[in-house]
Full PDB file with SEQRES, HELIX, SHEET, SSBOND, CRYST1, ORIGX, SCALE, CONECT and MASTER records, all heavy atoms in Angstrom:
SEQRES   1 A   37  ALA GLU ALA LEU ARG LYS ARG SER ARG THR GLU PRO LEU          
SEQRES   2 A   37  HIS ASN ALA GLU GLY LEU HIS TYR LEU PRO TYR ASN ILE          
SEQRES   3 A   37  ASP ALA PHE LYS SER LEU CYS LEU GLN LEU LEU                  
HELIX    1 AA1 GLU A    2  SER A    8  1                                   7    
HELIX    2 AA2 ILE A   26  LEU A   36  1                                  11    
CRYST1    1.000    1.000    1.000  90.00  90.00  90.00 P 1           1          
ORIGX1      1.000000  0.000000  0.000000        0.00000                         
ORIGX2      0.000000  1.000000  0.000000        0.00000                         
ORIGX3      0.000000  0.000000  1.000000        0.00000                         
SCALE1      1.000000  0.000000  0.000000        0.00000                         
SCALE2      0.000000  1.000000  0.000000        0.00000                         
SCALE3      0.000000  0.000000  1.000000        0.00000                         
ATOM      1  N   ALA A   1      -6.221   2.611  -1.633  1.00  0.00           N  
ATOM      2  CA  ALA A   1      -4.912   2.934  -1.070  1.00  0.00           C  
ATOM      3  C   ALA A   1      -4.929   2.929   0.449  1.00  0.00           C  
ATOM      4  O   ALA A   1      -4.010   2.402   1.092  1.00  0.00           O  
ATOM      5  CB  ALA A   1      -4.445   4.290  -1.592  1.00  0.00           C  
ATOM      6  N   GLU A   2      -5.963   3.496   1.027  1.00  0.00           N  
ATOM      7  CA  GLU A   2      -6.045   3.529   2.488  1.00  0.00           C  
ATOM      8  C   GLU A   2      -6.215   2.129   3.074  1.00  0.00           C  
ATOM      9  O   GLU A   2      -5.599   1.789   4.089  1.00  0.00           O  
ATOM     10  CB  GLU A   2      -7.207   4.430   2.920  1.00  0.00           C  
ATOM     11  CG  GLU A   2      -6.853   5.898   2.955  1.00  0.00           C  
ATOM     12  CD  GLU A   2      -5.793   6.189   4.008  1.00  0.00           C  
ATOM     13  OE1 GLU A   2      -6.127   6.262   5.203  1.00  0.00           O  
ATOM     14  OE2 GLU A   2      -4.607   6.311   3.638  1.00  0.00           O  
ATOM     15  N   ALA A   3      -7.035   1.310   2.434  1.00  0.00           N  
ATOM     16  CA  ALA A   3      -7.208  -0.064   2.903  1.00  0.00           C  
ATOM     17  C   ALA A   3      -5.907  -0.844   2.782  1.00  0.00           C  
ATOM     18  O   ALA A   3      -5.530  -1.617   3.681  1.00  0.00           O  
ATOM     19  CB  ALA A   3      -8.314  -0.750   2.107  1.00  0.00           C  
ATOM     20  N   LEU A   4      -5.172  -0.635   1.684  1.00  0.00           N  
ATOM     21  CA  LEU A   4      -3.903  -1.321   1.476  1.00  0.00           C  
ATOM     22  C   LEU A   4      -2.855  -0.854   2.475  1.00  0.00           C  
ATOM     23  O   LEU A   4      -2.085  -1.668   3.012  1.00  0.00           O  
ATOM     24  CB  LEU A   4      -3.413  -1.084   0.044  1.00  0.00           C  
ATOM     25  CG  LEU A   4      -2.118  -1.778  -0.354  1.00  0.00           C  
ATOM     26  CD1 LEU A   4      -2.261  -3.288  -0.277  1.00  0.00           C  
ATOM     27  CD2 LEU A   4      -1.702  -1.349  -1.763  1.00  0.00           C  
ATOM     28  N   ARG A   5      -2.823   0.444   2.733  1.00  0.00           N  
ATOM     29  CA  ARG A   5      -1.867   0.995   3.707  1.00  0.00           C  
ATOM     30  C   ARG A   5      -2.079   0.369   5.079  1.00  0.00           C  
ATOM     31  O   ARG A   5      -1.114  -0.038   5.750  1.00  0.00           O  
ATOM     32  CB  ARG A   5      -2.022   2.514   3.785  1.00  0.00           C  
ATOM     33  CG  ARG A   5      -1.080   3.195   4.769  1.00  0.00           C  
ATOM     34  CD  ARG A   5      -1.350   4.685   4.877  1.00  0.00           C  
ATOM     35  NE  ARG A   5      -2.664   4.985   5.430  1.00  0.00           N  
ATOM     36  CZ  ARG A   5      -2.964   4.966   6.735  1.00  0.00           C  
ATOM     37  NH1 ARG A   5      -2.027   4.652   7.629  1.00  0.00           N  
ATOM     38  NH2 ARG A   5      -4.183   5.257   7.145  1.00  0.00           N  
ATOM     39  N   LYS A   6      -3.317   0.264   5.491  1.00  0.00           N  
ATOM     40  CA  LYS A   6      -3.626  -0.280   6.815  1.00  0.00           C  
ATOM     41  C   LYS A   6      -3.310  -1.773   6.884  1.00  0.00           C  
ATOM     42  O   LYS A   6      -2.752  -2.250   7.877  1.00  0.00           O  
ATOM     43  CB  LYS A   6      -5.091  -0.020   7.154  1.00  0.00           C  
ATOM     44  CG  LYS A   6      -5.399   1.458   7.371  1.00  0.00           C  
ATOM     45  CD  LYS A   6      -6.885   1.721   7.524  1.00  0.00           C  
ATOM     46  CE  LYS A   6      -7.165   3.215   7.668  1.00  0.00           C  
ATOM     47  NZ  LYS A   6      -8.634   3.506   7.722  1.00  0.00           N  
ATOM     48  N   ARG A   7      -3.636  -2.513   5.828  1.00  0.00           N  
ATOM     49  CA  ARG A   7      -3.351  -3.951   5.823  1.00  0.00           C  
ATOM     50  C   ARG A   7      -1.854  -4.224   5.786  1.00  0.00           C  
ATOM     51  O   ARG A   7      -1.379  -5.193   6.376  1.00  0.00           O  
ATOM     52  CB  ARG A   7      -3.998  -4.613   4.604  1.00  0.00           C  
ATOM     53  CG  ARG A   7      -5.473  -4.841   4.722  1.00  0.00           C  
ATOM     54  CD  ARG A   7      -5.991  -5.596   3.520  1.00  0.00           C  
ATOM     55  NE  ARG A   7      -7.434  -5.709   3.618  1.00  0.00           N  
ATOM     56  CZ  ARG A   7      -8.110  -6.844   3.467  1.00  0.00           C  
ATOM     57  NH1 ARG A   7      -7.473  -7.961   3.186  1.00  0.00           N  
ATOM     58  NH2 ARG A   7      -9.426  -6.863   3.571  1.00  0.00           N  
ATOM     59  N   SER A   8      -1.139  -3.400   5.052  1.00  0.00           N  
ATOM     60  CA  SER A   8       0.302  -3.597   4.904  1.00  0.00           C  
ATOM     61  C   SER A   8       1.090  -3.043   6.084  1.00  0.00           C  
ATOM     62  O   SER A   8       2.278  -3.333   6.240  1.00  0.00           O  
ATOM     63  CB  SER A   8       0.792  -2.931   3.615  1.00  0.00           C  
ATOM     64  OG  SER A   8       0.168  -3.461   2.480  1.00  0.00           O  
ATOM     65  N   ARG A   9       0.431  -2.193   6.888  1.00  0.00           N  
ATOM     66  CA  ARG A   9       1.082  -1.519   8.013  1.00  0.00           C  
ATOM     67  C   ARG A   9       2.296  -0.723   7.528  1.00  0.00           C  
ATOM     68  O   ARG A   9       3.399  -0.812   8.085  1.00  0.00           O  
ATOM     69  CB  ARG A   9       1.479  -2.529   9.096  1.00  0.00           C  
ATOM     70  CG  ARG A   9       0.293  -3.244   9.711  1.00  0.00           C  
ATOM     71  CD  ARG A   9       0.700  -4.216  10.784  1.00  0.00           C  
ATOM     72  NE  ARG A   9      -0.471  -4.897  11.351  1.00  0.00           N  
ATOM     73  CZ  ARG A   9      -0.422  -5.810  12.322  1.00  0.00           C  
ATOM     74  NH1 ARG A   9       0.763  -6.137  12.836  1.00  0.00           N  
ATOM     75  NH2 ARG A   9      -1.517  -6.381  12.769  1.00  0.00           N  
ATOM     76  N   THR A  10       2.062   0.045   6.480  1.00  0.00           N  
ATOM     77  CA  THR A  10       3.112   0.879   5.904  1.00  0.00           C  
ATOM     78  C   THR A  10       2.630   2.329   5.840  1.00  0.00           C  
ATOM     79  O   THR A  10       1.441   2.607   6.011  1.00  0.00           O  
ATOM     80  CB  THR A  10       3.478   0.416   4.488  1.00  0.00           C  
ATOM     81  OG1 THR A  10       2.311   0.460   3.658  1.00  0.00           O  
ATOM     82  CG2 THR A  10       4.032  -0.995   4.493  1.00  0.00           C  
ATOM     83  N   GLU A  11       3.563   3.204   5.562  1.00  0.00           N  
ATOM     84  CA  GLU A  11       3.264   4.616   5.363  1.00  0.00           C  
ATOM     85  C   GLU A  11       3.948   5.070   4.077  1.00  0.00           C  
ATOM     86  O   GLU A  11       4.944   4.477   3.653  1.00  0.00           O  
ATOM     87  CB  GLU A  11       3.760   5.455   6.543  1.00  0.00           C  
ATOM     88  CG  GLU A  11       3.058   5.167   7.860  1.00  0.00           C  
ATOM     89  CD  GLU A  11       1.557   5.468   7.832  1.00  0.00           C  
ATOM     90  OE1 GLU A  11       1.154   6.365   7.043  1.00  0.00           O  
ATOM     91  OE2 GLU A  11       0.807   4.822   8.581  1.00  0.00           O  
ATOM     92  N   PRO A  12       3.422   6.116   3.433  1.00  0.00           N  
ATOM     93  CA  PRO A  12       4.047   6.582   2.188  1.00  0.00           C  
ATOM     94  C   PRO A  12       5.473   7.072   2.404  1.00  0.00           C  
ATOM     95  O   PRO A  12       5.815   7.599   3.467  1.00  0.00           O  
ATOM     96  CB  PRO A  12       3.126   7.719   1.729  1.00  0.00           C  
ATOM     97  CG  PRO A  12       2.343   8.117   2.941  1.00  0.00           C  
ATOM     98  CD  PRO A  12       2.210   6.891   3.766  1.00  0.00           C  
ATOM     99  N   LEU A  13       6.285   6.885   1.370  1.00  0.00           N  
ATOM    100  CA  LEU A  13       7.662   7.363   1.358  1.00  0.00           C  
ATOM    101  C   LEU A  13       7.815   8.397   0.248  1.00  0.00           C  
ATOM    102  O   LEU A  13       6.960   8.511  -0.625  1.00  0.00           O  
ATOM    103  CB  LEU A  13       8.625   6.196   1.111  1.00  0.00           C  
ATOM    104  CG  LEU A  13       8.612   5.061   2.132  1.00  0.00           C  
ATOM    105  CD1 LEU A  13       9.506   3.918   1.661  1.00  0.00           C  
ATOM    106  CD2 LEU A  13       9.054   5.554   3.504  1.00  0.00           C  
ATOM    107  N   HIS A  14       8.925   9.134   0.292  1.00  0.00           N  
ATOM    108  CA  HIS A  14       9.184  10.086  -0.780  1.00  0.00           C  
ATOM    109  C   HIS A  14      10.688  10.164  -1.025  1.00  0.00           C  
ATOM    110  O   HIS A  14      11.494   9.792  -0.165  1.00  0.00           O  
ATOM    111  CB  HIS A  14       8.636  11.473  -0.433  1.00  0.00           C  
ATOM    112  CG  HIS A  14       9.335  12.133   0.723  1.00  0.00           C  
ATOM    113  ND1 HIS A  14       9.052  11.817   2.037  1.00  0.00           N  
ATOM    114  CD2 HIS A  14      10.309  13.080   0.758  1.00  0.00           C  
ATOM    115  CE1 HIS A  14       9.816  12.533   2.833  1.00  0.00           C  
ATOM    116  NE2 HIS A  14      10.590  13.310   2.091  1.00  0.00           N  
ATOM    117  N   ASN A  15      11.052  10.633  -2.218  1.00  0.00           N  
ATOM    118  CA  ASN A  15      12.470  10.800  -2.520  1.00  0.00           C  
ATOM    119  C   ASN A  15      12.800  12.279  -2.699  1.00  0.00           C  
ATOM    120  O   ASN A  15      11.917  13.149  -2.624  1.00  0.00           O  
ATOM    121  CB  ASN A  15      12.875   9.972  -3.752  1.00  0.00           C  
ATOM    122  CG  ASN A  15      12.165  10.425  -5.031  1.00  0.00           C  
ATOM    123  OD1 ASN A  15      11.622  11.521  -5.107  1.00  0.00           O  
ATOM    124  ND2 ASN A  15      12.179   9.558  -6.033  1.00  0.00           N  
ATOM    125  N   ALA A  16      14.067  12.570  -2.961  1.00  0.00           N  
ATOM    126  CA  ALA A  16      14.532  13.956  -3.050  1.00  0.00           C  
ATOM    127  C   ALA A  16      13.941  14.689  -4.249  1.00  0.00           C  
ATOM    128  O   ALA A  16      13.862  15.918  -4.259  1.00  0.00           O  
ATOM    129  CB  ALA A  16      16.062  13.983  -3.126  1.00  0.00           C  
ATOM    130  N   GLU A  17      13.511  13.935  -5.271  1.00  0.00           N  
ATOM    131  CA  GLU A  17      12.944  14.557  -6.483  1.00  0.00           C  
ATOM    132  C   GLU A  17      11.500  14.987  -6.291  1.00  0.00           C  
ATOM    133  O   GLU A  17      10.924  15.649  -7.155  1.00  0.00           O  
ATOM    134  CB  GLU A  17      13.046  13.593  -7.666  1.00  0.00           C  
ATOM    135  CG  GLU A  17      14.439  13.452  -8.258  1.00  0.00           C  
ATOM    136  CD  GLU A  17      15.374  12.684  -7.336  1.00  0.00           C  
ATOM    137  OE1 GLU A  17      14.908  11.709  -6.696  1.00  0.00           O  
ATOM    138  OE2 GLU A  17      16.550  13.074  -7.226  1.00  0.00           O  
ATOM    139  N   GLY A  18      10.868  14.582  -5.188  1.00  0.00           N  
ATOM    140  CA  GLY A  18       9.490  14.981  -4.932  1.00  0.00           C  
ATOM    141  C   GLY A  18       8.457  13.928  -5.276  1.00  0.00           C  
ATOM    142  O   GLY A  18       7.257  14.228  -5.304  1.00  0.00           O  
ATOM    143  N   LEU A  19       8.906  12.693  -5.526  1.00  0.00           N  
ATOM    144  CA  LEU A  19       7.974  11.611  -5.830  1.00  0.00           C  
ATOM    145  C   LEU A  19       7.583  10.885  -4.547  1.00  0.00           C  
ATOM    146  O   LEU A  19       8.435  10.537  -3.733  1.00  0.00           O  
ATOM    147  CB  LEU A  19       8.600  10.627  -6.822  1.00  0.00           C  
ATOM    148  CG  LEU A  19       8.967  11.214  -8.185  1.00  0.00           C  
ATOM    149  CD1 LEU A  19       9.632  10.157  -9.052  1.00  0.00           C  
ATOM    150  CD2 LEU A  19       7.725  11.765  -8.881  1.00  0.00           C  
ATOM    151  N   HIS A  20       6.295  10.646  -4.393  1.00  0.00           N  
ATOM    152  CA  HIS A  20       5.759   9.975  -3.207  1.00  0.00           C  
ATOM    153  C   HIS A  20       5.107   8.664  -3.638  1.00  0.00           C  
ATOM    154  O   HIS A  20       4.459   8.597  -4.686  1.00  0.00           O  
ATOM    155  CB  HIS A  20       4.721  10.864  -2.519  1.00  0.00           C  
ATOM    156  CG  HIS A  20       5.276  12.170  -2.028  1.00  0.00           C  
ATOM    157  ND1 HIS A  20       5.358  12.495  -0.691  1.00  0.00           N  
ATOM    158  CD2 HIS A  20       5.777  13.247  -2.707  1.00  0.00           C  
ATOM    159  CE1 HIS A  20       5.887  13.702  -0.565  1.00  0.00           C  
ATOM    160  NE2 HIS A  20       6.146  14.182  -1.776  1.00  0.00           N  
ATOM    161  N   TYR A  21       5.255   7.629  -2.822  1.00  0.00           N  
ATOM    162  CA  TYR A  21       4.714   6.320  -3.191  1.00  0.00           C  
ATOM    163  C   TYR A  21       4.434   5.519  -1.930  1.00  0.00           C  
ATOM    164  O   TYR A  21       4.977   5.789  -0.851  1.00  0.00           O  
ATOM    165  CB  TYR A  21       5.684   5.567  -4.102  1.00  0.00           C  
ATOM    166  CG  TYR A  21       7.134   5.869  -3.836  1.00  0.00           C  
ATOM    167  CD1 TYR A  21       7.819   5.247  -2.802  1.00  0.00           C  
ATOM    168  CD2 TYR A  21       7.807   6.819  -4.606  1.00  0.00           C  
ATOM    169  CE1 TYR A  21       9.142   5.549  -2.548  1.00  0.00           C  
ATOM    170  CE2 TYR A  21       9.138   7.131  -4.353  1.00  0.00           C  
ATOM    171  CZ  TYR A  21       9.805   6.483  -3.319  1.00  0.00           C  
ATOM    172  OH  TYR A  21      11.103   6.800  -3.057  1.00  0.00           O  
ATOM    173  N   LEU A  22       3.591   4.504  -2.083  1.00  0.00           N  
ATOM    174  CA  LEU A  22       3.152   3.705  -0.938  1.00  0.00           C  
ATOM    175  C   LEU A  22       3.708   2.285  -1.034  1.00  0.00           C  
ATOM    176  O   LEU A  22       3.332   1.530  -1.936  1.00  0.00           O  
ATOM    177  CB  LEU A  22       1.626   3.644  -0.901  1.00  0.00           C  
ATOM    178  CG  LEU A  22       1.009   2.818   0.240  1.00  0.00           C  
ATOM    179  CD1 LEU A  22       1.286   3.488   1.587  1.00  0.00           C  
ATOM    180  CD2 LEU A  22      -0.493   2.654   0.028  1.00  0.00           C  
ATOM    181  N   PRO A  23       4.609   1.877  -0.123  1.00  0.00           N  
ATOM    182  CA  PRO A  23       5.043   0.479  -0.092  1.00  0.00           C  
ATOM    183  C   PRO A  23       3.874  -0.400   0.371  1.00  0.00           C  
ATOM    184  O   PRO A  23       3.005   0.050   1.128  1.00  0.00           O  
ATOM    185  CB  PRO A  23       6.166   0.468   0.956  1.00  0.00           C  
ATOM    186  CG  PRO A  23       6.502   1.902   1.202  1.00  0.00           C  
ATOM    187  CD  PRO A  23       5.270   2.678   0.914  1.00  0.00           C  
ATOM    188  N   TYR A  24       3.862  -1.646  -0.084  1.00  0.00           N  
ATOM    189  CA  TYR A  24       2.776  -2.532   0.326  1.00  0.00           C  
ATOM    190  C   TYR A  24       3.271  -3.962   0.485  1.00  0.00           C  
ATOM    191  O   TYR A  24       4.312  -4.356  -0.044  1.00  0.00           O  
ATOM    192  CB  TYR A  24       1.624  -2.496  -0.687  1.00  0.00           C  
ATOM    193  CG  TYR A  24       1.994  -2.988  -2.072  1.00  0.00           C  
ATOM    194  CD1 TYR A  24       1.935  -4.340  -2.407  1.00  0.00           C  
ATOM    195  CD2 TYR A  24       2.399  -2.093  -3.056  1.00  0.00           C  
ATOM    196  CE1 TYR A  24       2.275  -4.780  -3.677  1.00  0.00           C  
ATOM    197  CE2 TYR A  24       2.748  -2.524  -4.329  1.00  0.00           C  
ATOM    198  CZ  TYR A  24       2.683  -3.874  -4.635  1.00  0.00           C  
ATOM    199  OH  TYR A  24       3.030  -4.301  -5.885  1.00  0.00           O  
ATOM    200  N   ASN A  25       2.499  -4.732   1.221  1.00  0.00           N  
ATOM    201  CA  ASN A  25       2.762  -6.155   1.405  1.00  0.00           C  
ATOM    202  C   ASN A  25       2.034  -6.935   0.311  1.00  0.00           C  
ATOM    203  O   ASN A  25       0.863  -6.682   0.039  1.00  0.00           O  
ATOM    204  CB  ASN A  25       2.272  -6.583   2.791  1.00  0.00           C  
ATOM    205  CG  ASN A  25       2.383  -8.066   3.021  1.00  0.00           C  
ATOM    206  OD1 ASN A  25       1.483  -8.823   2.672  1.00  0.00           O  
ATOM    207  ND2 ASN A  25       3.480  -8.493   3.604  1.00  0.00           N  
ATOM    208  N   ILE A  26       2.726  -7.876  -0.326  1.00  0.00           N  
ATOM    209  CA  ILE A  26       2.160  -8.606  -1.465  1.00  0.00           C  
ATOM    210  C   ILE A  26       0.903  -9.372  -1.064  1.00  0.00           C  
ATOM    211  O   ILE A  26      -0.127  -9.319  -1.754  1.00  0.00           O  
ATOM    212  CB  ILE A  26       3.195  -9.586  -2.061  1.00  0.00           C  
ATOM    213  CG1 ILE A  26       4.482  -8.850  -2.456  1.00  0.00           C  
ATOM    214  CG2 ILE A  26       2.603 -10.324  -3.260  1.00  0.00           C  
ATOM    215  CD1 ILE A  26       4.301  -7.763  -3.475  1.00  0.00           C  
ATOM    216  N   ASP A  27       0.946 -10.083   0.060  1.00  0.00           N  
ATOM    217  CA  ASP A  27      -0.218 -10.856   0.498  1.00  0.00           C  
ATOM    218  C   ASP A  27      -1.377  -9.944   0.867  1.00  0.00           C  
ATOM    219  O   ASP A  27      -2.549 -10.292   0.647  1.00  0.00           O  
ATOM    220  CB  ASP A  27       0.143 -11.749   1.688  1.00  0.00           C  
ATOM    221  CG  ASP A  27       1.049 -12.909   1.277  1.00  0.00           C  
ATOM    222  OD1 ASP A  27       0.962 -13.342   0.107  1.00  0.00           O  
ATOM    223  OD2 ASP A  27       1.849 -13.368   2.123  1.00  0.00           O  
ATOM    224  N   ALA A  28      -1.072  -8.775   1.426  1.00  0.00           N  
ATOM    225  CA  ALA A  28      -2.125  -7.810   1.746  1.00  0.00           C  
ATOM    226  C   ALA A  28      -2.811  -7.330   0.482  1.00  0.00           C  
ATOM    227  O   ALA A  28      -4.040  -7.160   0.440  1.00  0.00           O  
ATOM    228  CB  ALA A  28      -1.536  -6.624   2.508  1.00  0.00           C  
ATOM    229  N   PHE A  29      -2.043  -7.118  -0.585  1.00  0.00           N  
ATOM    230  CA  PHE A  29      -2.601  -6.676  -1.865  1.00  0.00           C  
ATOM    231  C   PHE A  29      -3.535  -7.756  -2.422  1.00  0.00           C  
ATOM    232  O   PHE A  29      -4.657  -7.472  -2.851  1.00  0.00           O  
ATOM    233  CB  PHE A  29      -1.467  -6.388  -2.855  1.00  0.00           C  
ATOM    234  CG  PHE A  29      -1.852  -5.487  -3.994  1.00  0.00           C  
ATOM    235  CD1 PHE A  29      -1.378  -4.182  -4.055  1.00  0.00           C  
ATOM    236  CD2 PHE A  29      -2.680  -5.936  -5.012  1.00  0.00           C  
ATOM    237  CE1 PHE A  29      -1.722  -3.343  -5.113  1.00  0.00           C  
ATOM    238  CE2 PHE A  29      -3.025  -5.113  -6.068  1.00  0.00           C  
ATOM    239  CZ  PHE A  29      -2.547  -3.815  -6.125  1.00  0.00           C  
ATOM    240  N   LYS A  30      -3.080  -8.995  -2.409  1.00  0.00           N  
ATOM    241  CA  LYS A  30      -3.900 -10.102  -2.915  1.00  0.00           C  
ATOM    242  C   LYS A  30      -5.212 -10.223  -2.144  1.00  0.00           C  
ATOM    243  O   LYS A  30      -6.289 -10.366  -2.732  1.00  0.00           O  
ATOM    244  CB  LYS A  30      -3.131 -11.420  -2.815  1.00  0.00           C  
ATOM    245  CG  LYS A  30      -1.967 -11.574  -3.768  1.00  0.00           C  
ATOM    246  CD  LYS A  30      -1.279 -12.920  -3.540  1.00  0.00           C  
ATOM    247  CE  LYS A  30      -0.101 -13.119  -4.469  1.00  0.00           C  
ATOM    248  NZ  LYS A  30       0.604 -14.390  -4.205  1.00  0.00           N  
ATOM    249  N   SER A  31      -5.104 -10.197  -0.819  1.00  0.00           N  
ATOM    250  CA  SER A  31      -6.299 -10.414   0.003  1.00  0.00           C  
ATOM    251  C   SER A  31      -7.284  -9.260  -0.120  1.00  0.00           C  
ATOM    252  O   SER A  31      -8.505  -9.467  -0.110  1.00  0.00           O  
ATOM    253  CB  SER A  31      -5.909 -10.624   1.470  1.00  0.00           C  
ATOM    254  OG  SER A  31      -5.325  -9.462   2.024  1.00  0.00           O  
ATOM    255  N   LEU A  32      -6.776  -8.035  -0.269  1.00  0.00           N  
ATOM    256  CA  LEU A  32      -7.664  -6.890  -0.439  1.00  0.00           C  
ATOM    257  C   LEU A  32      -8.434  -7.001  -1.752  1.00  0.00           C  
ATOM    258  O   LEU A  32      -9.648  -6.754  -1.793  1.00  0.00           O  
ATOM    259  CB  LEU A  32      -6.863  -5.589  -0.410  1.00  0.00           C  
ATOM    260  CG  LEU A  32      -7.643  -4.301  -0.691  1.00  0.00           C  
ATOM    261  CD1 LEU A  32      -8.775  -4.114   0.313  1.00  0.00           C  
ATOM    262  CD2 LEU A  32      -6.706  -3.086  -0.681  1.00  0.00           C  
ATOM    263  N   CYS A  33      -7.747  -7.378  -2.829  1.00  0.00           N  
ATOM    264  CA  CYS A  33      -8.420  -7.542  -4.121  1.00  0.00           C  
ATOM    265  C   CYS A  33      -9.515  -8.601  -4.035  1.00  0.00           C  
ATOM    266  O   CYS A  33     -10.635  -8.398  -4.525  1.00  0.00           O  
ATOM    267  CB  CYS A  33      -7.405  -7.941  -5.197  1.00  0.00           C  
ATOM    268  SG  CYS A  33      -6.239  -6.639  -5.638  1.00  0.00           S  
ATOM    269  N   LEU A  34      -9.201  -9.723  -3.406  1.00  0.00           N  
ATOM    270  CA  LEU A  34     -10.180 -10.805  -3.286  1.00  0.00           C  
ATOM    271  C   LEU A  34     -11.370 -10.379  -2.437  1.00  0.00           C  
ATOM    272  O   LEU A  34     -12.528 -10.674  -2.779  1.00  0.00           O  
ATOM    273  CB  LEU A  34      -9.513 -12.036  -2.681  1.00  0.00           C  
ATOM    274  CG  LEU A  34     -10.366 -13.304  -2.619  1.00  0.00           C  
ATOM    275  CD1 LEU A  34     -10.824 -13.724  -4.015  1.00  0.00           C  
ATOM    276  CD2 LEU A  34      -9.592 -14.437  -1.952  1.00  0.00           C  
ATOM    277  N   GLN A  35     -11.103  -9.665  -1.361  1.00  0.00           N  
ATOM    278  CA  GLN A  35     -12.197  -9.199  -0.505  1.00  0.00           C  
ATOM    279  C   GLN A  35     -13.125  -8.250  -1.257  1.00  0.00           C  
ATOM    280  O   GLN A  35     -14.355  -8.363  -1.162  1.00  0.00           O  
ATOM    281  CB  GLN A  35     -11.642  -8.500   0.736  1.00  0.00           C  
ATOM    282  CG  GLN A  35     -12.742  -7.961   1.659  1.00  0.00           C  
ATOM    283  CD  GLN A  35     -12.194  -7.204   2.851  1.00  0.00           C  
ATOM    284  OE1 GLN A  35     -11.191  -7.609   3.429  1.00  0.00           O  
ATOM    285  NE2 GLN A  35     -12.844  -6.103   3.221  1.00  0.00           N  
ATOM    286  N   LEU A  36     -12.559  -7.318  -2.004  1.00  0.00           N  
ATOM    287  CA  LEU A  36     -13.372  -6.348  -2.739  1.00  0.00           C  
ATOM    288  C   LEU A  36     -14.274  -7.034  -3.762  1.00  0.00           C  
ATOM    289  O   LEU A  36     -15.461  -6.709  -3.876  1.00  0.00           O  
ATOM    290  CB  LEU A  36     -12.474  -5.330  -3.433  1.00  0.00           C  
ATOM    291  CG  LEU A  36     -11.836  -4.276  -2.531  1.00  0.00           C  
ATOM    292  CD1 LEU A  36     -10.710  -3.557  -3.254  1.00  0.00           C  
ATOM    293  CD2 LEU A  36     -12.892  -3.273  -2.058  1.00  0.00           C  
ATOM    294  N   LEU A  37     -13.722  -7.997  -4.494  1.00  0.00           N  
ATOM    295  CA  LEU A  37     -14.541  -8.698  -5.489  1.00  0.00           C  
ATOM    296  C   LEU A  37     -15.607  -9.553  -4.811  1.00  0.00           C  
ATOM    297  O   LEU A  37     -16.743  -9.646  -5.298  1.00  0.00           O  
ATOM    298  CB  LEU A  37     -13.660  -9.564  -6.386  1.00  0.00           C  
ATOM    299  CG  LEU A  37     -12.659  -8.824  -7.278  1.00  0.00           C  
ATOM    300  CD1 LEU A  37     -12.073  -9.781  -8.318  1.00  0.00           C  
ATOM    301  CD2 LEU A  37     -13.286  -7.626  -7.987  1.00  0.00           C  
TER     302      LEU A  37                                                      
MASTER        0    0    0    2    0    0    0    6  301    1    0    3          
END                                                                             
């Protein structure tokens, strides 16, 4: 999650119900997976 956050240059968001989530960039997700493997 931290690696994805930094690559995507995003920060977690939350809604009024108390749910928190991390937006991400699609290409950042792909490249992180490939790098890890």
